[in-house]
């Protein structure tokens, strides 16, 4: 559960402490474009539940974290019970959907790339601060 909490905290930081993400924000974290999300939602194939507020669509960061961890959303708020059908269809043996693993890997790669760029920036700032300190020290020595 600690990893789930860490993912939620990361997503919160990306949404400025909001508990929901827009499709655009979600597309920055996982490799599913806004247009593709829209098409999948329209066909009821998008695995992360959404809420529509007027024309806007929002995803709960908890649902996103659940999906990234397990490939499914365990705490789905809206459960619609299917109407009993008069005719039972034959069960199909479709292959397991492992797309959530791809999304999780893409999410991890995105975070890793962001961390590397922040580390490079940090190291550059430290080098700049050190060189500025040495420059100031040299200027003081030359003034003596």
C-alpha atoms as a PDB file:
ATOM      1  CA  UNK A   1       0.000   0.000   0.000  1.00  0.00           C
ATOM      2  CA  UNK A   2       2.970   2.318   0.438  1.00  0.00           C
ATOM      3  CA  UNK A   3       3.605   2.349  -3.309  1.00  0.00           C
ATOM      4  CA  UNK A   4      -0.076   3.162  -3.903  1.00  0.00           C
ATOM      5  CA  UNK A   5       0.226   6.046  -1.434  1.00  0.00           C
ATOM      6  CA  UNK A   6       3.395   7.270  -3.176  1.00  0.00           C
ATOM      7  CA  UNK A   7       1.671   7.209  -6.568  1.00  0.00           C
ATOM      8  CA  UNK A   8      -1.296   9.134  -5.139  1.00  0.00           C
ATOM      9  CA  UNK A   9       1.065  11.725  -3.634  1.00  0.00           C
ATOM     10  CA  UNK A  10       2.888  12.085  -6.961  1.00  0.00           C
ATOM     11  CA  UNK A  11      -0.392  12.534  -8.835  1.00  0.00           C
ATOM     12  CA  UNK A  12      -1.518  15.074  -6.218  1.00  0.00           C
ATOM     13  CA  UNK A  13       1.658  17.061  -6.798  1.00  0.00           C
ATOM     14  CA  UNK A  14       0.975  17.039 -10.540  1.00  0.00           C
ATOM     15  CA  UNK A  15      -2.573  18.378 -10.013  1.00  0.00           C
ATOM     16  CA  UNK A  16      -1.625  21.029  -7.442  1.00  0.00           C
ATOM     17  CA  UNK A  17      -3.143  19.007  -4.539  1.00  0.00           C
ATOM     18  CA  UNK A  18      -6.421  18.323  -6.341  1.00  0.00           C
ATOM     19  CA  UNK A  19      -7.919  14.854  -6.158  1.00  0.00           C
ATOM     20  CA  UNK A  20      -8.957  14.771  -9.818  1.00  0.00           C
ATOM     21  CA  UNK A  21      -7.100  14.918 -13.125  1.00  0.00           C
ATOM     22  CA  UNK A  22      -8.211  16.141 -16.502  1.00  0.00           C
ATOM     23  CA  UNK A  23      -7.666  13.999 -19.594  1.00  0.00           C
ATOM     24  CA  UNK A  24      -4.825  16.330 -20.637  1.00  0.00           C
ATOM     25  CA  UNK A  25      -3.049  15.854 -17.290  1.00  0.00           C
ATOM     26  CA  UNK A  26      -3.580  12.094 -17.507  1.00  0.00           C
ATOM     27  CA  UNK A  27      -2.143  11.996 -21.033  1.00  0.00           C
ATOM     28  CA  UNK A  28       1.052  13.590 -19.686  1.00  0.00           C
ATOM     29  CA  UNK A  29       1.467  10.685 -17.254  1.00  0.00           C
ATOM     30  CA  UNK A  30       0.409   7.698 -19.366  1.00  0.00           C
ATOM     31  CA  UNK A  31       0.804   7.287 -23.142  1.00  0.00           C
ATOM     32  CA  UNK A  32      -2.888   7.588 -24.004  1.00  0.00           C
ATOM     33  CA  UNK A  33      -3.734  10.793 -25.855  1.00  0.00           C
ATOM     34  CA  UNK A  34      -6.738  12.939 -24.974  1.00  0.00           C
ATOM     35  CA  UNK A  35      -8.443  12.005 -28.252  1.00  0.00           C
ATOM     36  CA  UNK A  36      -7.833   8.298 -27.686  1.00  0.00           C
ATOM     37  CA  UNK A  37      -9.222   8.584 -24.139  1.00  0.00           C
ATOM     38  CA  UNK A  38     -12.336  10.237 -25.560  1.00  0.00           C
ATOM     39  CA  UNK A  39     -12.842   7.469 -28.123  1.00  0.00           C
ATOM     40  CA  UNK A  40     -12.310   4.756 -25.507  1.00  0.00           C
ATOM     41  CA  UNK A  41     -14.743   6.451 -23.091  1.00  0.00           C
ATOM     42  CA  UNK A  42     -17.275   6.791 -25.907  1.00  0.00           C
ATOM     43  CA  UNK A  43     -17.017   3.044 -26.601  1.00  0.00           C
ATOM     44  CA  UNK A  44     -17.031   2.308 -22.840  1.00  0.00           C
ATOM     45  CA  UNK A  45     -13.598   0.681 -23.157  1.00  0.00           C
ATOM     46  CA  UNK A  46     -11.557   3.084 -21.035  1.00  0.00           C
ATOM     47  CA  UNK A  47     -10.617   1.225 -17.837  1.00  0.00           C
ATOM     48  CA  UNK A  48     -10.467   4.251 -15.518  1.00  0.00           C
ATOM     49  CA  UNK A  49     -13.868   5.564 -14.337  1.00  0.00           C
ATOM     50  CA  UNK A  50     -14.600   9.196 -15.073  1.00  0.00           C
ATOM     51  CA  UNK A  51     -17.048  11.873 -13.998  1.00  0.00           C
ATOM     52  CA  UNK A  52     -18.536  14.374 -16.400  1.00  0.00           C
ATOM     53  CA  UNK A  53     -19.194  17.855 -15.085  1.00  0.00           C
ATOM     54  CA  UNK A  54     -20.840  19.683 -17.941  1.00  0.00           C
ATOM     55  CA  UNK A  55     -18.469  19.274 -20.867  1.00  0.00           C
ATOM     56  CA  UNK A  56     -15.477  18.563 -18.644  1.00  0.00           C
ATOM     57  CA  UNK A  57     -14.251  15.078 -17.786  1.00  0.00           C
ATOM     58  CA  UNK A  58     -12.367  14.253 -14.591  1.00  0.00           C
ATOM     59  CA  UNK A  59     -10.588  11.151 -13.300  1.00  0.00           C
ATOM     60  CA  UNK A  60     -10.032  10.423  -9.619  1.00  0.00           C
ATOM     61  CA  UNK A  61      -6.332  10.139  -8.805  1.00  0.00           C
ATOM     62  CA  UNK A  62      -7.196   7.190  -6.540  1.00  0.00           C
ATOM     63  CA  UNK A  63      -8.739   5.339  -9.490  1.00  0.00           C
ATOM     64  CA  UNK A  64      -5.702   6.164 -11.608  1.00  0.00           C
ATOM     65  CA  UNK A  65      -3.360   4.836  -8.903  1.00  0.00           C
ATOM     66  CA  UNK A  66      -5.491   1.668  -8.531  1.00  0.00           C
ATOM     67  CA  UNK A  67      -5.356   1.108 -12.271  1.00  0.00           C
ATOM     68  CA  UNK A  68      -1.605   1.658 -12.480  1.00  0.00           C
ATOM     69  CA  UNK A  69      -1.026  -0.782  -9.617  1.00  0.00           C
ATOM     70  CA  UNK A  70      -3.458  -3.576 -10.501  1.00  0.00           C
ATOM     71  CA  UNK A  71      -4.706  -3.031 -14.014  1.00  0.00           C
ATOM     72  CA  UNK A  72      -8.212  -2.586 -12.683  1.00  0.00           C
ATOM     73  CA  UNK A  73     -10.052  -0.174 -10.450  1.00  0.00           C
ATOM     74  CA  UNK A  74     -11.141  -1.836  -7.235  1.00  0.00           C
ATOM     75  CA  UNK A  75     -12.963   1.103  -5.668  1.00  0.00           C
ATOM     76  CA  UNK A  76     -15.293   1.908  -8.492  1.00  0.00           C
ATOM     77  CA  UNK A  77     -17.998   4.228  -7.181  1.00  0.00           C
ATOM     78  CA  UNK A  78     -20.690   3.559  -9.719  1.00  0.00           C
ATOM     79  CA  UNK A  79     -21.682  -0.042 -10.204  1.00  0.00           C
ATOM     80  CA  UNK A  80     -24.481  -0.599 -12.634  1.00  0.00           C
ATOM     81  CA  UNK A  81     -25.986  -4.023 -12.376  1.00  0.00           C
ATOM     82  CA  UNK A  82     -26.537  -5.595 -15.764  1.00  0.00           C
ATOM     83  CA  UNK A  83     -30.092  -6.390 -16.754  1.00  0.00           C
ATOM     84  CA  UNK A  84     -30.766 -10.100 -16.894  1.00  0.00           C
ATOM     85  CA  UNK A  85     -30.707 -11.283 -20.457  1.00  0.00           C
ATOM     86  CA  UNK A  86     -33.041 -13.865 -21.838  1.00  0.00           C
ATOM     87  CA  UNK A  87     -30.353 -15.528 -23.866  1.00  0.00           C
ATOM     88  CA  UNK A  88     -27.004 -16.529 -22.457  1.00  0.00           C
ATOM     89  CA  UNK A  89     -24.048 -16.118 -24.748  1.00  0.00           C
ATOM     90  CA  UNK A  90     -21.230 -18.559 -24.987  1.00  0.00           C
ATOM     91  CA  UNK A  91     -18.206 -17.544 -22.912  1.00  0.00           C
ATOM     92  CA  UNK A  92     -15.339 -16.410 -25.056  1.00  0.00           C
ATOM     93  CA  UNK A  93     -11.799 -17.211 -24.146  1.00  0.00           C
ATOM     94  CA  UNK A  94     -10.091 -13.938 -24.901  1.00  0.00           C
ATOM     95  CA  UNK A  95      -6.442 -13.397 -24.021  1.00  0.00           C
ATOM     96  CA  UNK A  96      -5.616 -11.568 -20.804  1.00  0.00           C
ATOM     97  CA  UNK A  97      -5.447  -7.800 -21.145  1.00  0.00           C
ATOM     98  CA  UNK A  98      -2.018  -6.737 -19.908  1.00  0.00           C
ATOM     99  CA  UNK A  99      -2.188  -3.166 -21.153  1.00  0.00           C
ATOM    100  CA  UNK A 100      -2.069  -1.860 -17.581  1.00  0.00           C
ATOM    101  CA  UNK A 101       1.468  -3.250 -17.297  1.00  0.00           C
ATOM    102  CA  UNK A 102       2.464  -1.242 -20.349  1.00  0.00           C
ATOM    103  CA  UNK A 103       0.875   1.878 -18.857  1.00  0.00           C
ATOM    104  CA  UNK A 104       2.573   1.252 -15.504  1.00  0.00           C
ATOM    105  CA  UNK A 105       5.941   0.857 -17.225  1.00  0.00           C
ATOM    106  CA  UNK A 106       5.361   4.036 -19.252  1.00  0.00           C
ATOM    107  CA  UNK A 107       4.359   5.894 -16.087  1.00  0.00           C
ATOM    108  CA  UNK A 108       7.497   4.673 -14.294  1.00  0.00           C
ATOM    109  CA  UNK A 109       9.676   5.646 -17.273  1.00  0.00           C
ATOM    110  CA  UNK A 110       8.103   9.101 -17.323  1.00  0.00           C
ATOM    111  CA  UNK A 111       8.788   9.601 -13.608  1.00  0.00           C
ATOM    112  CA  UNK A 112      12.339   8.301 -14.003  1.00  0.00           C
ATOM    113  CA  UNK A 113      13.035  10.709 -16.882  1.00  0.00           C
ATOM    114  CA  UNK A 114      11.610  13.583 -14.856  1.00  0.00           C
ATOM    115  CA  UNK A 115      13.760  12.603 -11.862  1.00  0.00           C
ATOM    116  CA  UNK A 116      16.878  12.452 -14.045  1.00  0.00           C
ATOM    117  CA  UNK A 117      16.216  15.900 -15.474  1.00  0.00           C
ATOM    118  CA  UNK A 118      15.701  17.286 -11.962  1.00  0.00           C
ATOM    119  CA  UNK A 119      18.952  15.656 -10.818  1.00  0.00           C
ATOM    120  CA  UNK A 120      20.814  17.183 -13.778  1.00  0.00           C
ATOM    121  CA  UNK A 121      19.337  20.584 -12.977  1.00  0.00           C
ATOM    122  CA  UNK A 122      20.287  20.187  -9.315  1.00  0.00           C
ATOM    123  CA  UNK A 123      23.867  19.227 -10.178  1.00  0.00           C
ATOM    124  CA  UNK A 124      24.133  22.158 -12.578  1.00  0.00           C
ATOM    125  CA  UNK A 125      22.902  24.560  -9.905  1.00  0.00           C
ATOM    126  CA  UNK A 126      25.365  23.149  -7.367  1.00  0.00           C
ATOM    127  CA  UNK A 127      28.246  23.557  -9.845  1.00  0.00           C
ATOM    128  CA  UNK A 128      27.115  27.119 -10.588  1.00  0.00           C
ATOM    129  CA  UNK A 129      26.911  27.942  -6.882  1.00  0.00           C
ATOM    130  CA  UNK A 130      30.392  26.492  -6.304  1.00  0.00           C
ATOM    131  CA  UNK A 131      31.902  28.394  -9.235  1.00  0.00           C
ATOM    132  CA  UNK A 132      30.217  31.617  -8.111  1.00  0.00           C
ATOM    133  CA  UNK A 133      31.664  31.079  -4.629  1.00  0.00           C
ATOM    134  CA  UNK A 134      35.143  30.515  -6.043  1.00  0.00           C
ATOM    135  CA  UNK A 135      34.791  33.577  -8.284  1.00  0.00           C
ATOM    136  CA  UNK A 136      33.780  35.726  -5.315  1.00  0.00           C
ATOM    137  CA  UNK A 137      36.671  34.356  -3.277  1.00  0.00           C
ATOM    138  CA  UNK A 138      39.120  35.115  -6.111  1.00  0.00           C
ATOM    139  CA  UNK A 139      37.763  38.662  -6.494  1.00  0.00           C
ATOM    140  CA  UNK A 140      38.183  39.258  -2.739  1.00  0.00           C
ATOM    141  CA  UNK A 141      41.739  37.921  -2.855  1.00  0.00           C
ATOM    142  CA  UNK A 142      42.628  40.124  -5.823  1.00  0.00           C
ATOM    143  CA  UNK A 143      41.255  43.232  -4.074  1.00  0.00           C
ATOM    144  CA  UNK A 144      43.608  42.721  -1.109  1.00  0.00           C
END
